[in-house]
ModelCIF file with pLDDT and N, C-alpha, C, O atoms, coordinates in Angstrom:
data_MODEL
#
_entry.id   MODEL 
#
_entity.id                         1 
_entity.type                       polymer 
_entity.pdbx_number_of_molecules   1 
#
_entity_poly.entity_id                      1 
_entity_poly.type                           'polypeptide(L)' 
_entity_poly.nstd_linkage                   no 
_entity_poly.nstd_monomer                   no 
_entity_poly.pdbx_seq_one_letter_code       STDATPADRPLRRDAERNRQRILQAAAELFAEAGLDVTL 
_entity_poly.pdbx_seq_one_letter_code_can   STDATPADRPLRRDAERNRQRILQAAAELFAEAGLDVTL 
_entity_poly.pdbx_strand_id                 A 
#
loop_
_entity_poly_seq.entity_id 
_entity_poly_seq.num 
_entity_poly_seq.mon_id 
_entity_poly_seq.hetero 
1 1  SER n 
1 2  THR n 
1 3  ASP n 
1 4  ALA n 
1 5  THR n 
1 6  PRO n 
1 7  ALA n 
1 8  ASP n 
1 9  ARG n 
1 10 PRO n 
1 11 LEU n 
1 12 ARG n 
1 13 ARG n 
1 14 ASP n 
1 15 ALA n 
1 16 GLU n 
1 17 ARG n 
1 18 ASN n 
1 19 ARG n 
1 20 GLN n 
1 21 ARG n 
1 22 ILE n 
1 23 LEU n 
1 24 GLN n 
1 25 ALA n 
1 26 ALA n 
1 27 ALA n 
1 28 GLU n 
1 29 LEU n 
1 30 PHE n 
1 31 ALA n 
1 32 GLU n 
1 33 ALA n 
1 34 GLY n 
1 35 LEU n 
1 36 ASP n 
1 37 VAL n 
1 38 THR n 
1 39 LEU n 
#
_struct_asym.id          A 
_struct_asym.entity_id   1 
#
loop_
_ma_qa_metric.id 
_ma_qa_metric.mode 
_ma_qa_metric.name 
_ma_qa_metric.software_group_id 
_ma_qa_metric.type 
1 global pLDDT . pLDDT 
2 local  pLDDT . pLDDT 
#
_ma_qa_metric_global.metric_id      1 
_ma_qa_metric_global.metric_value   75.97 
_ma_qa_metric_global.model_id       1 
_ma_qa_metric_global.ordinal_id     1 
#
loop_
_ma_qa_metric_local.label_asym_id 
_ma_qa_metric_local.label_comp_id 
_ma_qa_metric_local.label_seq_id 
_ma_qa_metric_local.metric_id 
_ma_qa_metric_local.metric_value 
_ma_qa_metric_local.model_id 
_ma_qa_metric_local.ordinal_id 
A SER 1  2 45.00 1 1  
A THR 2  2 47.00 1 2  
A ASP 3  2 50.00 1 3  
A ALA 4  2 47.00 1 4  
A THR 5  2 43.00 1 5  
A PRO 6  2 44.00 1 6  
A ALA 7  2 40.00 1 7  
A ASP 8  2 42.00 1 8  
A ARG 9  2 48.00 1 9  
A PRO 10 2 48.00 1 10 
A LEU 11 2 49.00 1 11 
A ARG 12 2 73.00 1 12 
A ARG 13 2 76.00 1 13 
A ASP 14 2 78.00 1 14 
A ALA 15 2 77.00 1 15 
A GLU 16 2 82.00 1 16 
A ARG 17 2 87.00 1 17 
A ASN 18 2 87.00 1 18 
A ARG 19 2 87.00 1 19 
A GLN 20 2 89.00 1 20 
A ARG 21 2 91.00 1 21 
A ILE 22 2 93.00 1 22 
A LEU 23 2 91.00 1 23 
A GLN 24 2 91.00 1 24 
A ALA 25 2 93.00 1 25 
A ALA 26 2 92.00 1 26 
A ALA 27 2 91.00 1 27 
A GLU 28 2 92.00 1 28 
A LEU 29 2 93.00 1 29 
A PHE 30 2 92.00 1 30 
A ALA 31 2 89.00 1 31 
A GLU 32 2 87.00 1 32 
A ALA 33 2 88.00 1 33 
A GLY 34 2 88.00 1 34 
A LEU 35 2 88.00 1 35 
A ASP 36 2 89.00 1 36 
A VAL 37 2 91.00 1 37 
A THR 38 2 92.00 1 38 
A LEU 39 2 93.00 1 39 
#
loop_
_atom_site.group_PDB 
_atom_site.id 
_atom_site.type_symbol 
_atom_site.label_atom_id 
_atom_site.label_alt_id 
_atom_site.label_comp_id 
_atom_site.label_asym_id 
_atom_site.label_entity_id 
_atom_site.label_seq_id 
_atom_site.pdbx_PDB_ins_code 
_atom_site.Cartn_x 
_atom_site.Cartn_y 
_atom_site.Cartn_z 
_atom_site.occupancy 
_atom_site.B_iso_or_equiv 
_atom_site.pdbx_formal_charge 
_atom_site.auth_seq_id 
_atom_site.auth_comp_id 
_atom_site.auth_asym_id 
_atom_site.auth_atom_id 
_atom_site.pdbx_PDB_model_num 
ATOM 1   N N  . SER A 1 1  ? 17.739  -30.253 0.289  1.00 45.00 ? 1  SER A N  1 
ATOM 2   C CA . SER A 1 1  ? 17.275  -29.288 1.277  1.00 45.00 ? 1  SER A CA 1 
ATOM 3   C C  . SER A 1 1  ? 16.450  -28.201 0.615  1.00 45.00 ? 1  SER A C  1 
ATOM 4   O O  . SER A 1 1  ? 16.759  -27.747 -0.487 1.00 45.00 ? 1  SER A O  1 
ATOM 5   N N  . THR A 1 2  ? 15.393  -27.790 1.307  1.00 47.00 ? 2  THR A N  1 
ATOM 6   C CA . THR A 1 2  ? 14.550  -26.699 0.798  1.00 47.00 ? 2  THR A CA 1 
ATOM 7   C C  . THR A 1 2  ? 14.839  -25.383 1.489  1.00 47.00 ? 2  THR A C  1 
ATOM 8   O O  . THR A 1 2  ? 14.152  -24.388 1.257  1.00 47.00 ? 2  THR A O  1 
ATOM 9   N N  . ASP A 1 3  ? 15.864  -25.374 2.343  1.00 50.00 ? 3  ASP A N  1 
ATOM 10  C CA . ASP A 1 3  ? 16.198  -24.130 3.047  1.00 50.00 ? 3  ASP A CA 1 
ATOM 11  C C  . ASP A 1 3  ? 16.649  -23.067 2.060  1.00 50.00 ? 3  ASP A C  1 
ATOM 12  O O  . ASP A 1 3  ? 17.349  -23.355 1.089  1.00 50.00 ? 3  ASP A O  1 
ATOM 13  N N  . ALA A 1 4  ? 16.243  -21.854 2.321  1.00 47.00 ? 4  ALA A N  1 
ATOM 14  C CA . ALA A 1 4  ? 16.623  -20.748 1.451  1.00 47.00 ? 4  ALA A CA 1 
ATOM 15  C C  . ALA A 1 4  ? 18.099  -20.441 1.630  1.00 47.00 ? 4  ALA A C  1 
ATOM 16  O O  . ALA A 1 4  ? 18.635  -20.564 2.732  1.00 47.00 ? 4  ALA A O  1 
ATOM 17  N N  . THR A 1 5  ? 18.737  -20.054 0.584  1.00 43.00 ? 5  THR A N  1 
ATOM 18  C CA . THR A 1 5  ? 20.131  -19.626 0.647  1.00 43.00 ? 5  THR A CA 1 
ATOM 19  C C  . THR A 1 5  ? 20.177  -18.209 1.172  1.00 43.00 ? 5  THR A C  1 
ATOM 20  O O  . THR A 1 5  ? 19.176  -17.495 1.105  1.00 43.00 ? 5  THR A O  1 
ATOM 21  N N  . PRO A 1 6  ? 21.316  -17.784 1.695  1.00 44.00 ? 6  PRO A N  1 
ATOM 22  C CA . PRO A 1 6  ? 21.421  -16.405 2.181  1.00 44.00 ? 6  PRO A CA 1 
ATOM 23  C C  . PRO A 1 6  ? 21.068  -15.381 1.120  1.00 44.00 ? 6  PRO A C  1 
ATOM 24  O O  . PRO A 1 6  ? 20.530  -14.318 1.429  1.00 44.00 ? 6  PRO A O  1 
ATOM 25  N N  . ALA A 1 7  ? 21.374  -15.705 -0.153 1.00 40.00 ? 7  ALA A N  1 
ATOM 26  C CA . ALA A 1 7  ? 21.085  -14.740 -1.216 1.00 40.00 ? 7  ALA A CA 1 
ATOM 27  C C  . ALA A 1 7  ? 19.591  -14.556 -1.408 1.00 40.00 ? 7  ALA A C  1 
ATOM 28  O O  . ALA A 1 7  ? 19.143  -13.517 -1.893 1.00 40.00 ? 7  ALA A O  1 
ATOM 29  N N  . ASP A 1 8  ? 18.800  -15.598 -1.016 1.00 42.00 ? 8  ASP A N  1 
ATOM 30  C CA . ASP A 1 8  ? 17.358  -15.483 -1.181 1.00 42.00 ? 8  ASP A CA 1 
ATOM 31  C C  . ASP A 1 8  ? 16.743  -14.526 -0.164 1.00 42.00 ? 8  ASP A C  1 
ATOM 32  O O  . ASP A 1 8  ? 15.758  -13.847 -0.454 1.00 42.00 ? 8  ASP A O  1 
ATOM 33  N N  . ARG A 1 9  ? 17.325  -14.478 1.018  1.00 48.00 ? 9  ARG A N  1 
ATOM 34  C CA . ARG A 1 9  ? 16.672  -13.775 2.106  1.00 48.00 ? 9  ARG A CA 1 
ATOM 35  C C  . ARG A 1 9  ? 16.491  -12.284 1.853  1.00 48.00 ? 9  ARG A C  1 
ATOM 36  O O  . ARG A 1 9  ? 15.412  -11.761 2.133  1.00 48.00 ? 9  ARG A O  1 
ATOM 37  N N  . PRO A 1 10 ? 17.503  -11.563 1.334  1.00 48.00 ? 10 PRO A N  1 
ATOM 38  C CA . PRO A 1 10 ? 17.269  -10.144 1.037  1.00 48.00 ? 10 PRO A CA 1 
ATOM 39  C C  . PRO A 1 10 ? 16.142  -9.933  0.038  1.00 48.00 ? 10 PRO A C  1 
ATOM 40  O O  . PRO A 1 10 ? 15.407  -8.949  0.129  1.00 48.00 ? 10 PRO A O  1 
ATOM 41  N N  . LEU A 1 11 ? 15.999  -10.855 -0.918 1.00 49.00 ? 11 LEU A N  1 
ATOM 42  C CA . LEU A 1 11 ? 14.919  -10.725 -1.888 1.00 49.00 ? 11 LEU A CA 1 
ATOM 43  C C  . LEU A 1 11 ? 13.574  -10.814 -1.196 1.00 49.00 ? 11 LEU A C  1 
ATOM 44  O O  . LEU A 1 11 ? 12.659  -10.057 -1.519 1.00 49.00 ? 11 LEU A O  1 
ATOM 45  N N  . ARG A 1 12 ? 13.441  -11.738 -0.237 1.00 73.00 ? 12 ARG A N  1 
ATOM 46  C CA . ARG A 1 12 ? 12.185  -11.864 0.474  1.00 73.00 ? 12 ARG A CA 1 
ATOM 47  C C  . ARG A 1 12 ? 11.928  -10.623 1.317  1.00 73.00 ? 12 ARG A C  1 
ATOM 48  O O  . ARG A 1 12 ? 10.791  -10.160 1.409  1.00 73.00 ? 12 ARG A O  1 
ATOM 49  N N  . ARG A 1 13 ? 12.973  -10.083 1.934  1.00 76.00 ? 13 ARG A N  1 
ATOM 50  C CA . ARG A 1 13 ? 12.803  -8.866  2.719  1.00 76.00 ? 13 ARG A CA 1 
ATOM 51  C C  . ARG A 1 13 ? 12.402  -7.698  1.818  1.00 76.00 ? 13 ARG A C  1 
ATOM 52  O O  . ARG A 1 13 ? 11.537  -6.900  2.177  1.00 76.00 ? 13 ARG A O  1 
ATOM 53  N N  . ASP A 1 14 ? 13.029  -7.602  0.656  1.00 78.00 ? 14 ASP A N  1 
ATOM 54  C CA . ASP A 1 14 ? 12.661  -6.548  -0.286 1.00 78.00 ? 14 ASP A CA 1 
ATOM 55  C C  . ASP A 1 14 ? 11.203  -6.694  -0.721 1.00 78.00 ? 14 ASP A C  1 
ATOM 56  O O  . ASP A 1 14 ? 10.463  -5.714  -0.811 1.00 78.00 ? 14 ASP A O  1 
ATOM 57  N N  . ALA A 1 15 ? 10.814  -7.935  -0.986 1.00 77.00 ? 15 ALA A N  1 
ATOM 58  C CA . ALA A 1 15 ? 9.440   -8.167  -1.421 1.00 77.00 ? 15 ALA A CA 1 
ATOM 59  C C  . ALA A 1 15 ? 8.448   -7.760  -0.332 1.00 77.00 ? 15 ALA A C  1 
ATOM 60  O O  . ALA A 1 15 ? 7.411   -7.167  -0.628 1.00 77.00 ? 15 ALA A O  1 
ATOM 61  N N  . GLU A 1 16 ? 8.763   -8.074  0.924  1.00 82.00 ? 16 GLU A N  1 
ATOM 62  C CA . GLU A 1 16 ? 7.875   -7.706  2.018  1.00 82.00 ? 16 GLU A CA 1 
ATOM 63  C C  . GLU A 1 16 ? 7.846   -6.197  2.213  1.00 82.00 ? 16 GLU A C  1 
ATOM 64  O O  . GLU A 1 16 ? 6.793   -5.626  2.497  1.00 82.00 ? 16 GLU A O  1 
ATOM 65  N N  . ARG A 1 17 ? 9.005   -5.544  2.061  1.00 87.00 ? 17 ARG A N  1 
ATOM 66  C CA . ARG A 1 17 ? 9.022   -4.079  2.158  1.00 87.00 ? 17 ARG A CA 1 
ATOM 67  C C  . ARG A 1 17 ? 8.156   -3.462  1.066  1.00 87.00 ? 17 ARG A C  1 
ATOM 68  O O  . ARG A 1 17 ? 7.406   -2.518  1.317  1.00 87.00 ? 17 ARG A O  1 
ATOM 69  N N  . ASN A 1 18 ? 8.262   -3.999  -0.149 1.00 87.00 ? 18 ASN A N  1 
ATOM 70  C CA . ASN A 1 18 ? 7.432   -3.484  -1.242 1.00 87.00 ? 18 ASN A CA 1 
ATOM 71  C C  . ASN A 1 18 ? 5.954   -3.705  -0.961 1.00 87.00 ? 18 ASN A C  1 
ATOM 72  O O  . ASN A 1 18 ? 5.119   -2.845  -1.241 1.00 87.00 ? 18 ASN A O  1 
ATOM 73  N N  . ARG A 1 19 ? 5.646   -4.861  -0.408 1.00 87.00 ? 19 ARG A N  1 
ATOM 74  C CA . ARG A 1 19 ? 4.246   -5.150  -0.084 1.00 87.00 ? 19 ARG A CA 1 
ATOM 75  C C  . ARG A 1 19 ? 3.715   -4.144  0.926  1.00 87.00 ? 19 ARG A C  1 
ATOM 76  O O  . ARG A 1 19 ? 2.603   -3.637  0.772  1.00 87.00 ? 19 ARG A O  1 
ATOM 77  N N  . GLN A 1 20 ? 4.491   -3.854  1.947  1.00 89.00 ? 20 GLN A N  1 
ATOM 78  C CA . GLN A 1 20 ? 4.064   -2.897  2.956  1.00 89.00 ? 20 GLN A CA 1 
ATOM 79  C C  . GLN A 1 20 ? 3.939   -1.488  2.369  1.00 89.00 ? 20 GLN A C  1 
ATOM 80  O O  . GLN A 1 20 ? 3.033   -0.740  2.738  1.00 89.00 ? 20 GLN A O  1 
ATOM 81  N N  . ARG A 1 21 ? 4.838   -1.130  1.464  1.00 91.00 ? 21 ARG A N  1 
ATOM 82  C CA . ARG A 1 21 ? 4.732   0.183   0.809  1.00 91.00 ? 21 ARG A CA 1 
ATOM 83  C C  . ARG A 1 21 ? 3.468   0.270   -0.032 1.00 91.00 ? 21 ARG A C  1 
ATOM 84  O O  . ARG A 1 21 ? 2.805   1.306   -0.069 1.00 91.00 ? 21 ARG A O  1 
ATOM 85  N N  . ILE A 1 22 ? 3.143   -0.819  -0.704 1.00 93.00 ? 22 ILE A N  1 
ATOM 86  C CA . ILE A 1 22 ? 1.923   -0.858  -1.519 1.00 93.00 ? 22 ILE A CA 1 
ATOM 87  C C  . ILE A 1 22 ? 0.691   -0.710  -0.625 1.00 93.00 ? 22 ILE A C  1 
ATOM 88  O O  . ILE A 1 22 ? -0.210  0.072   -0.927 1.00 93.00 ? 22 ILE A O  1 
ATOM 89  N N  . LEU A 1 23 ? 0.657   -1.459  0.469  1.00 91.00 ? 23 LEU A N  1 
ATOM 90  C CA . LEU A 1 23 ? -0.490  -1.399  1.374  1.00 91.00 ? 23 LEU A CA 1 
ATOM 91  C C  . LEU A 1 23 ? -0.631  -0.011  1.989  1.00 91.00 ? 23 LEU A C  1 
ATOM 92  O O  . LEU A 1 23 ? -1.744  0.501   2.109  1.00 91.00 ? 23 LEU A O  1 
ATOM 93  N N  . GLN A 1 24 ? 0.480   0.603   2.379  1.00 91.00 ? 24 GLN A N  1 
ATOM 94  C CA . GLN A 1 24 ? 0.429   1.937   2.969  1.00 91.00 ? 24 GLN A CA 1 
ATOM 95  C C  . GLN A 1 24 ? -0.058  2.964   1.956  1.00 91.00 ? 24 GLN A C  1 
ATOM 96  O O  . GLN A 1 24 ? -0.890  3.816   2.270  1.00 91.00 ? 24 GLN A O  1 
ATOM 97  N N  . ALA A 1 25 ? 0.467   2.875   0.742  1.00 93.00 ? 25 ALA A N  1 
ATOM 98  C CA . ALA A 1 25 ? 0.047   3.809   -0.304 1.00 93.00 ? 25 ALA A CA 1 
ATOM 99  C C  . ALA A 1 25 ? -1.427  3.642   -0.627 1.00 93.00 ? 25 ALA A C  1 
ATOM 100 O O  . ALA A 1 25 ? -2.152  4.625   -0.778 1.00 93.00 ? 25 ALA A O  1 
ATOM 101 N N  . ALA A 1 26 ? -1.868  2.398   -0.731 1.00 92.00 ? 26 ALA A N  1 
ATOM 102 C CA . ALA A 1 26 ? -3.283  2.138   -1.037 1.00 92.00 ? 26 ALA A CA 1 
ATOM 103 C C  . ALA A 1 26 ? -4.177  2.638   0.087  1.00 92.00 ? 26 ALA A C  1 
ATOM 104 O O  . ALA A 1 26 ? -5.233  3.214   -0.171 1.00 92.00 ? 26 ALA A O  1 
ATOM 105 N N  . ALA A 1 27 ? -3.764  2.423   1.332  1.00 91.00 ? 27 ALA A N  1 
ATOM 106 C CA . ALA A 1 27 ? -4.560  2.892   2.466  1.00 91.00 ? 27 ALA A CA 1 
ATOM 107 C C  . ALA A 1 27 ? -4.740  4.407   2.417  1.00 91.00 ? 27 ALA A C  1 
ATOM 108 O O  . ALA A 1 27 ? -5.837  4.914   2.647  1.00 91.00 ? 27 ALA A O  1 
ATOM 109 N N  . GLU A 1 28 ? -3.662  5.124   2.116  1.00 92.00 ? 28 GLU A N  1 
ATOM 110 C CA . GLU A 1 28 ? -3.729  6.581   2.040  1.00 92.00 ? 28 GLU A CA 1 
ATOM 111 C C  . GLU A 1 28 ? -4.639  7.034   0.900  1.00 92.00 ? 28 GLU A C  1 
ATOM 112 O O  . GLU A 1 28 ? -5.487  7.909   1.077  1.00 92.00 ? 28 GLU A O  1 
ATOM 113 N N  . LEU A 1 29 ? -4.449  6.427   -0.269 1.00 93.00 ? 29 LEU A N  1 
ATOM 114 C CA . LEU A 1 29 ? -5.223  6.846   -1.441 1.00 93.00 ? 29 LEU A CA 1 
ATOM 115 C C  . LEU A 1 29 ? -6.700  6.497   -1.301 1.00 93.00 ? 29 LEU A C  1 
ATOM 116 O O  . LEU A 1 29 ? -7.563  7.304   -1.647 1.00 93.00 ? 29 LEU A O  1 
ATOM 117 N N  . PHE A 1 30 ? -6.997  5.296   -0.793 1.00 92.00 ? 30 PHE A N  1 
ATOM 118 C CA . PHE A 1 30 ? -8.395  4.902   -0.613 1.00 92.00 ? 30 PHE A CA 1 
ATOM 119 C C  . PHE A 1 30 ? -9.077  5.800   0.413  1.00 92.00 ? 30 PHE A C  1 
ATOM 120 O O  . PHE A 1 30 ? -10.243 6.159   0.246  1.00 92.00 ? 30 PHE A O  1 
ATOM 121 N N  . ALA A 1 31 ? -8.358  6.164   1.473  1.00 89.00 ? 31 ALA A N  1 
ATOM 122 C CA . ALA A 1 31 ? -8.937  7.046   2.480  1.00 89.00 ? 31 ALA A CA 1 
ATOM 123 C C  . ALA A 1 31 ? -9.213  8.434   1.907  1.00 89.00 ? 31 ALA A C  1 
ATOM 124 O O  . ALA A 1 31 ? -10.234 9.047   2.216  1.00 89.00 ? 31 ALA A O  1 
ATOM 125 N N  . GLU A 1 32 ? -8.301  8.924   1.071  1.00 87.00 ? 32 GLU A N  1 
ATOM 126 C CA . GLU A 1 32 ? -8.434  10.270  0.509  1.00 87.00 ? 32 GLU A CA 1 
ATOM 127 C C  . GLU A 1 32 ? -9.464  10.335  -0.611 1.00 87.00 ? 32 GLU A C  1 
ATOM 128 O O  . GLU A 1 32 ? -10.281 11.255  -0.660 1.00 87.00 ? 32 GLU A O  1 
ATOM 129 N N  . ALA A 1 33 ? -9.422  9.347   -1.514 1.00 88.00 ? 33 ALA A N  1 
ATOM 130 C CA . ALA A 1 33 ? -10.186 9.466   -2.762 1.00 88.00 ? 33 ALA A CA 1 
ATOM 131 C C  . ALA A 1 33 ? -11.207 8.362   -2.986 1.00 88.00 ? 33 ALA A C  1 
ATOM 132 O O  . ALA A 1 33 ? -11.984 8.439   -3.937 1.00 88.00 ? 33 ALA A O  1 
ATOM 133 N N  . GLY A 1 34 ? -11.230 7.349   -2.152 1.00 88.00 ? 34 GLY A N  1 
ATOM 134 C CA . GLY A 1 34 ? -12.181 6.259   -2.338 1.00 88.00 ? 34 GLY A CA 1 
ATOM 135 C C  . GLY A 1 34 ? -11.622 5.128   -3.167 1.00 88.00 ? 34 GLY A C  1 
ATOM 136 O O  . GLY A 1 34 ? -10.453 5.137   -3.553 1.00 88.00 ? 34 GLY A O  1 
ATOM 137 N N  . LEU A 1 35 ? -12.469 4.158   -3.435 1.00 88.00 ? 35 LEU A N  1 
ATOM 138 C CA . LEU A 1 35 ? -12.030 2.897   -4.025 1.00 88.00 ? 35 LEU A CA 1 
ATOM 139 C C  . LEU A 1 35 ? -11.905 2.919   -5.541 1.00 88.00 ? 35 LEU A C  1 
ATOM 140 O O  . LEU A 1 35 ? -11.568 1.898   -6.142 1.00 88.00 ? 35 LEU A O  1 
ATOM 141 N N  . ASP A 1 36 ? -12.167 4.052   -6.170 1.00 89.00 ? 36 ASP A N  1 
ATOM 142 C CA . ASP A 1 36 ? -11.980 4.153   -7.622 1.00 89.00 ? 36 ASP A CA 1 
ATOM 143 C C  . ASP A 1 36 ? -10.523 4.377   -7.998 1.00 89.00 ? 36 ASP A C  1 
ATOM 144 O O  . ASP A 1 36 ? -10.182 4.389   -9.181 1.00 89.00 ? 36 ASP A O  1 
ATOM 145 N N  . VAL A 1 37 ? -9.671  4.553   -7.013 1.00 91.00 ? 37 VAL A N  1 
ATOM 146 C CA . VAL A 1 37 ? -8.228  4.693   -7.266 1.00 91.00 ? 37 VAL A CA 1 
ATOM 147 C C  . VAL A 1 37 ? -7.729  3.468   -8.021 1.00 91.00 ? 37 VAL A C  1 
ATOM 148 O O  . VAL A 1 37 ? -8.144  2.348   -7.726 1.00 91.00 ? 37 VAL A O  1 
ATOM 149 N N  . THR A 1 38 ? -6.848  3.668   -8.985 1.00 92.00 ? 38 THR A N  1 
ATOM 150 C CA . THR A 1 38 ? -6.337  2.557   -9.786 1.00 92.00 ? 38 THR A CA 1 
ATOM 151 C C  . THR A 1 38 ? -5.048  1.991   -9.177 1.00 92.00 ? 38 THR A C  1 
ATOM 152 O O  . THR A 1 38 ? -4.393  2.639   -8.361 1.00 92.00 ? 38 THR A O  1 
ATOM 153 N N  . LEU A 1 39 ? -4.705  0.783   -9.588 1.00 93.00 ? 39 LEU A N  1 
ATOM 154 C CA . LEU A 1 39 ? -3.451  0.188   -9.128 1.00 93.00 ? 39 LEU A CA 1 
ATOM 155 C C  . LEU A 1 39 ? -2.244  0.963   -9.650 1.00 93.00 ? 39 LEU A C  1 
ATOM 156 O O  . LEU A 1 39 ? -1.105  0.600   -9.359 1.00 93.00 ? 39 LEU A O  1 
#
């Protein structure tokens, strides 16, 4: 079976939360300072 185990699911949720935090932070910084902002 390729189904994820219950232990996997929180990791995926954490990863998605981090992704959204990254996108939100980048959106704010790019809007304020432009695209020269670093990762």
